[in-house]
Amino acid sequence: MKIPVSLLSTYLYCSRKLFLQEVLLLEEPPKESVVMGAIRHETYDKINKMEEEIVTSIKKKINLEKIKELYRKKYLEVLRKVILNNKERLKEVNKSVIEAYEKSSAFIIEESEMRSNNIFNFIEANNVFGEELWEKLIPKIISELKVDSDELRLKGIVDQVHVYTNDYVPFELKTGRAPQDGVWPSHRVQLAAYSLLLQKKFNMPVKEGFVYYIDSKEKRHIAINPFMKEEVKQLVDEILALLESKELPDFCSNENKCKKCGLRQTCYNEEEVNNLIKLRISS
């Protein structure tokens, strides 16, 4: 059995919530952050697939502003289409199409500029264009890369991977507040898991990764070390044991987490939870 890497974060956040969702099959009411996150992921997936088309369309030397304009136009066009495809989901969280576009366009423009700079600098250094530019481009940036491993018993989608000649560098893109130093523990474990999955996929060591906090535009570095494999393995063991268990974990000790949780009302209703346990497990 392979579990999604995202369950590692959920487990670290609240094991009881994981049990309610994965064992008792409860679903949180739609959240704005979840819907906007889905729009972001879908947009990145689509722009990743058009990257080769954009790069190979550059047949001669042009200035940086023209490359930025090319990328910005293509990326925002994709974003508009994705938002329109998700307008019903946006209605469920009382978000208009215009609001969603205004909130999302900033990070998409930032992504387009990052890739534009990457292309421009490579052209300046190597004087190559079109197909040759795409073939020789370093780093290539892959978004929404699917990875899985039977040995690690994990599967997931890496937000972004920067591919160098002998290196794969994973990036996790996160909304919300960044910690004062480093990264949040759940983000560190998630990145470690993705690094291990990348090592399995490409049979090459992954030495480092980054968590990029979109709202504050802060990029935080994480060195990947051998101890992380044991930590991830232990968490996977604990989660699989929990999924097979009939024992409901205790309440979370962090009141702030509980206040933000969409399952709070059911979680604290012992009668309802016990009935669900009988329905889902005992029967």
Protein backbone atom coordinates (compact mmCIF):
# COMPACT_ATOMS: atom_id res chain seq x y z
CA MET A 1 0.00 0.00 0.00
CA LYS A 2 1.28 3.46 -0.92
CA ILE A 3 0.03 6.47 0.98
CA PRO A 4 0.07 10.10 -0.26
CA VAL A 5 2.95 12.19 1.06
CA SER A 6 0.35 14.77 2.15
CA LEU A 7 -0.78 12.34 4.87
CA LEU A 8 2.57 12.82 6.61
CA SER A 9 1.70 16.49 7.13
CA THR A 10 -1.85 15.68 8.22
CA TYR A 11 -0.56 13.13 10.73
CA LEU A 12 1.94 15.57 12.22
CA TYR A 13 -0.77 18.24 12.36
CA CYS A 14 -3.36 16.01 14.09
CA SER A 15 -3.50 12.20 14.11
CA ARG A 16 -7.15 12.29 15.21
CA LYS A 17 -8.08 14.34 12.14
CA LEU A 18 -6.26 11.83 9.93
CA PHE A 19 -8.30 9.01 11.50
CA LEU A 20 -11.56 10.89 10.98
CA GLN A 21 -10.76 11.57 7.34
CA GLU A 22 -9.10 8.35 6.23
CA VAL A 23 -10.77 5.74 8.44
CA LEU A 24 -14.18 7.25 9.18
CA LEU A 25 -14.23 8.91 5.72
CA LEU A 26 -15.30 12.35 6.92
CA GLU A 27 -14.76 15.30 4.59
CA GLU A 28 -14.10 18.88 5.64
CA PRO A 29 -16.43 21.52 4.23
CA PRO A 30 -14.89 23.33 1.24
CA LYS A 31 -12.20 25.81 2.27
CA GLU A 32 -11.00 28.79 0.29
CA SER A 33 -7.37 27.78 0.84
CA VAL A 34 -8.02 24.28 -0.54
CA VAL A 35 -9.84 25.54 -3.64
CA MET A 36 -7.21 28.19 -4.32
CA GLY A 37 -4.48 25.61 -3.79
CA ALA A 38 -6.14 23.31 -6.33
CA ILE A 39 -6.28 26.17 -8.84
CA ARG A 40 -2.60 26.86 -8.26
CA HIS A 41 -1.64 23.20 -8.76
CA GLU A 42 -3.73 22.86 -11.92
CA THR A 43 -2.24 26.06 -13.34
CA TYR A 44 1.32 24.92 -12.64
CA ASP A 45 0.62 21.57 -14.24
CA LYS A 46 -0.62 23.21 -17.45
CA ILE A 47 2.17 25.78 -17.70
CA ASN A 48 4.71 23.05 -17.15
CA LYS A 49 3.34 21.16 -20.14
CA MET A 50 3.70 24.22 -22.40
CA GLU A 51 7.26 25.04 -21.32
CA GLU A 52 8.95 23.28 -24.23
CA GLU A 53 6.61 25.03 -26.70
CA ILE A 54 7.51 28.46 -25.28
CA VAL A 55 11.25 27.82 -25.16
CA THR A 56 11.50 26.40 -28.68
CA SER A 57 9.51 29.37 -30.03
CA ILE A 58 12.45 31.65 -29.18
CA LYS A 59 14.34 31.50 -32.48
CA LYS A 60 16.62 34.48 -32.05
CA LYS A 61 18.10 36.74 -29.40
CA ILE A 62 15.47 39.02 -27.83
CA ASN A 63 15.63 41.22 -24.77
CA LEU A 64 14.52 40.16 -21.31
CA GLU A 65 11.34 42.25 -21.35
CA LYS A 66 10.08 40.52 -24.50
CA ILE A 67 10.73 37.09 -22.96
CA LYS A 68 8.88 38.19 -19.82
CA GLU A 69 5.98 39.44 -21.90
CA LEU A 70 5.83 36.13 -23.79
CA TYR A 71 5.76 34.10 -20.58
CA ARG A 72 3.39 36.42 -18.73
CA LYS A 73 0.84 36.37 -21.57
CA LYS A 74 0.87 32.57 -21.88
CA TYR A 75 0.75 31.94 -18.13
CA LEU A 76 -2.07 34.37 -17.39
CA GLU A 77 -4.09 32.92 -20.23
CA VAL A 78 -3.76 29.49 -18.63
CA LEU A 79 -4.70 30.89 -15.22
CA ARG A 80 -7.88 32.48 -16.60
CA LYS A 81 -8.97 29.20 -18.15
CA VAL A 82 -8.27 27.23 -14.98
CA ILE A 83 -10.22 29.70 -12.83
CA LEU A 84 -13.20 29.57 -15.18
CA ASN A 85 -13.10 25.77 -15.02
CA ASN A 86 -13.28 26.03 -11.22
CA LYS A 87 -15.94 28.73 -10.91
CA GLU A 88 -18.46 26.36 -9.27
CA ARG A 89 -15.94 25.36 -6.61
CA LEU A 90 -15.16 29.03 -6.05
CA LYS A 91 -18.86 29.75 -5.48
CA GLU A 92 -18.88 27.14 -2.71
CA VAL A 93 -16.32 29.19 -0.77
CA ASN A 94 -17.89 32.56 -1.67
CA LYS A 95 -15.05 33.57 -3.95
CA SER A 96 -15.67 35.33 -7.25
CA VAL A 97 -13.76 34.57 -10.43
CA ILE A 98 -12.28 38.08 -10.37
CA GLU A 99 -11.13 37.75 -6.74
CA ALA A 100 -9.53 34.40 -7.51
CA TYR A 101 -7.71 35.85 -10.50
CA GLU A 102 -6.44 38.85 -8.54
CA LYS A 103 -5.20 36.61 -5.73
CA SER A 104 -3.56 34.06 -8.04
CA SER A 105 -2.08 36.28 -10.72
CA ALA A 106 0.72 37.58 -8.49
CA PHE A 107 2.39 34.20 -7.96
CA ILE A 108 1.83 33.20 -11.60
CA ILE A 109 3.51 36.41 -12.80
CA GLU A 110 6.34 35.75 -10.35
CA GLU A 111 6.71 32.23 -11.75
CA SER A 112 6.77 33.59 -15.31
CA GLU A 113 9.48 36.10 -14.40
CA MET A 114 11.60 33.46 -12.68
CA ARG A 115 11.46 31.25 -15.76
CA SER A 116 12.02 34.23 -18.08
CA ASN A 117 15.19 35.17 -16.21
CA ASN A 118 16.36 31.57 -16.33
CA ILE A 119 15.89 31.44 -20.13
CA PHE A 120 17.41 34.87 -20.77
CA ASN A 121 20.52 34.16 -18.70
CA PHE A 122 21.03 30.82 -20.42
CA ILE A 123 20.72 32.39 -23.88
CA GLU A 124 23.20 35.12 -22.94
CA ALA A 125 25.71 32.54 -21.70
CA ASN A 126 25.30 29.95 -24.46
CA ASN A 127 23.90 31.78 -27.52
CA VAL A 128 21.50 28.94 -28.44
CA PHE A 129 17.88 29.11 -29.61
CA GLY A 130 14.86 27.01 -30.55
CA GLU A 131 15.21 23.23 -30.22
CA GLU A 132 18.88 23.48 -29.23
CA LEU A 133 17.97 25.91 -26.44
CA TRP A 134 15.44 23.45 -25.03
CA GLU A 135 17.82 20.49 -25.30
CA LYS A 136 20.69 22.25 -23.53
CA LEU A 137 18.70 24.36 -21.05
CA ILE A 138 19.89 24.05 -17.42
CA PRO A 139 18.08 24.03 -15.11
CA LYS A 140 14.90 22.69 -16.62
CA ILE A 141 11.99 23.36 -14.30
CA ILE A 142 9.36 20.66 -13.95
CA SER A 143 6.16 21.39 -12.07
CA GLU A 144 3.67 18.89 -10.62
CA LEU A 145 5.95 15.86 -11.03
CA LYS A 146 4.32 12.56 -10.01
CA VAL A 147 6.54 10.25 -7.95
CA ASP A 148 5.96 6.96 -6.13
CA SER A 149 7.83 4.04 -4.60
CA ASP A 150 6.72 0.59 -3.46
CA GLU A 151 9.74 0.38 -1.18
CA LEU A 152 8.99 3.70 0.53
CA ARG A 153 5.22 2.99 0.42
CA LEU A 154 4.67 6.56 -0.68
CA LYS A 155 3.27 8.47 -3.62
CA GLY A 156 2.76 12.14 -4.36
CA ILE A 157 3.25 15.12 -6.62
CA VAL A 158 6.27 17.40 -6.18
CA ASP A 159 5.34 21.05 -6.66
CA GLN A 160 8.50 21.85 -8.60
CA VAL A 161 11.81 20.19 -9.49
CA HIS A 162 14.82 22.07 -10.84
CA VAL A 163 16.78 19.66 -13.04
CA TYR A 164 20.53 20.15 -13.46
CA THR A 165 23.03 17.87 -15.20
CA ASN A 166 23.62 15.72 -12.13
CA ASP A 167 21.14 17.14 -9.64
CA TYR A 168 17.42 17.17 -8.95
CA VAL A 169 16.36 19.89 -6.53
CA PRO A 170 12.77 19.72 -5.19
CA PHE A 171 10.79 22.82 -4.30
CA GLU A 172 7.61 22.85 -2.20
CA LEU A 173 5.45 25.95 -2.71
CA LYS A 174 3.44 26.90 0.36
CA THR A 175 0.91 29.60 1.15
CA GLY A 176 0.43 31.00 4.63
CA ARG A 177 2.84 32.36 7.19
CA ALA A 178 6.48 31.32 7.17
CA PRO A 179 8.17 30.47 10.49
CA GLN A 180 10.70 32.91 11.89
CA ASP A 181 13.54 30.54 10.98
CA GLY A 182 13.75 27.44 8.82
CA VAL A 183 10.55 25.70 7.78
CA TRP A 184 7.56 24.24 9.57
CA PRO A 185 8.18 20.60 10.71
CA SER A 186 5.46 19.18 8.45
CA HIS A 187 6.96 20.99 5.44
CA ARG A 188 10.44 19.65 6.27
CA VAL A 189 9.16 16.07 6.45
CA GLN A 190 7.15 16.50 3.26
CA LEU A 191 10.20 17.78 1.37
CA ALA A 192 12.33 14.96 2.79
CA ALA A 193 9.78 12.41 1.55
CA TYR A 194 9.73 13.95 -1.92
CA SER A 195 13.54 13.96 -1.99
CA LEU A 196 13.59 10.24 -1.22
CA LEU A 197 10.99 9.57 -3.92
CA LEU A 198 13.04 11.57 -6.44
CA GLN A 199 16.13 9.53 -5.53
CA LYS A 200 14.19 6.35 -6.26
CA LYS A 201 12.73 7.69 -9.52
CA PHE A 202 15.99 8.95 -11.00
CA ASN A 203 18.50 6.73 -9.14
CA MET A 204 20.48 9.78 -8.15
CA PRO A 205 21.19 11.38 -4.74
CA VAL A 206 19.13 14.43 -3.82
CA LYS A 207 21.27 16.65 -1.63
CA GLU A 208 19.01 19.62 -0.96
CA GLY A 209 15.58 21.11 -1.39
CA PHE A 210 13.68 24.32 -0.77
CA VAL A 211 10.38 25.41 0.68
CA TYR A 212 9.15 28.60 -0.95
CA TYR A 213 6.61 30.56 1.09
CA ILE A 214 4.62 32.31 -1.61
CA ASP A 215 2.90 34.98 0.49
CA SER A 216 6.12 36.28 2.05
CA LYS A 217 8.30 35.41 -0.99
CA GLU A 218 10.81 33.61 1.23
CA LYS A 219 12.86 30.64 0.01
CA ARG A 220 14.08 28.36 2.81
CA HIS A 221 16.84 25.81 2.26
CA ILE A 222 16.84 22.24 3.61
CA ALA A 223 19.87 19.94 3.48
CA ILE A 224 18.81 16.34 2.88
CA ASN A 225 20.59 13.91 5.23
CA PRO A 226 20.49 10.10 5.70
CA PHE A 227 18.57 10.35 8.99
CA MET A 228 15.55 11.73 7.16
CA LYS A 229 14.89 8.36 5.51
CA GLU A 230 14.43 6.70 8.91
CA GLU A 231 12.23 9.54 10.09
CA VAL A 232 9.98 9.27 7.02
CA LYS A 233 9.91 5.46 7.27
CA GLN A 234 8.85 5.64 10.93
CA LEU A 235 6.05 8.10 10.12
CA VAL A 236 4.81 5.85 7.31
CA ASP A 237 4.79 2.87 9.72
CA GLU A 238 2.81 4.87 12.27
CA ILE A 239 0.28 6.12 9.70
CA LEU A 240 -0.29 2.66 8.21
CA ALA A 241 -0.79 1.28 11.72
CA LEU A 242 -3.28 4.06 12.43
CA LEU A 243 -5.21 3.39 9.21
CA GLU A 244 -5.53 -0.28 10.14
CA SER A 245 -6.39 0.46 13.76
CA LYS A 246 -9.79 0.62 15.40
CA GLU A 247 -8.45 2.98 18.06
CA LEU A 248 -9.47 6.63 17.77
CA PRO A 249 -6.52 8.90 18.66
CA ASP A 250 -6.92 11.43 21.46
CA PHE A 251 -7.79 15.07 20.86
CA CYS A 252 -5.15 17.47 19.61
CA SER A 253 -3.54 19.46 22.42
CA ASN A 254 -3.28 22.64 20.32
CA GLU A 255 -6.48 24.73 20.61
CA ASN A 256 -5.49 26.94 17.67
CA LYS A 257 -5.42 23.91 15.38
CA CYS A 258 -8.84 22.82 16.62
CA LYS A 259 -10.35 26.26 16.00
CA LYS A 260 -9.27 26.17 12.36
CA CYS A 261 -10.37 22.57 11.73
CA GLY A 262 -13.43 21.96 9.57
CA LEU A 263 -14.11 18.68 11.40
CA ARG A 264 -14.16 20.25 14.87
CA GLN A 265 -17.92 19.90 15.42
CA THR A 266 -18.00 16.19 14.60
CA CYS A 267 -14.68 15.54 16.32
CA TYR A 268 -16.04 16.74 19.68
CA ASN A 269 -19.37 14.92 19.28
CA GLU A 270 -18.47 11.60 20.90
CA GLU A 271 -21.84 9.99 20.16
CA GLU A 272 -21.57 10.77 16.46
CA VAL A 273 -17.96 9.59 16.29
CA ASN A 274 -18.79 6.33 18.09
CA ASN A 275 -21.67 5.69 15.69
CA LEU A 276 -19.32 6.25 12.75
CA ILE A 277 -16.78 3.82 14.24
CA LYS A 278 -19.49 1.17 14.52
CA LEU A 279 -20.62 1.87 10.96
CA ARG A 280 -17.19 2.02 9.31
CA ILE A 281 -15.19 -0.42 11.42
CA SER A 282 -17.30 -2.72 13.57
CA SER A 283 -19.59 -3.72 10.72
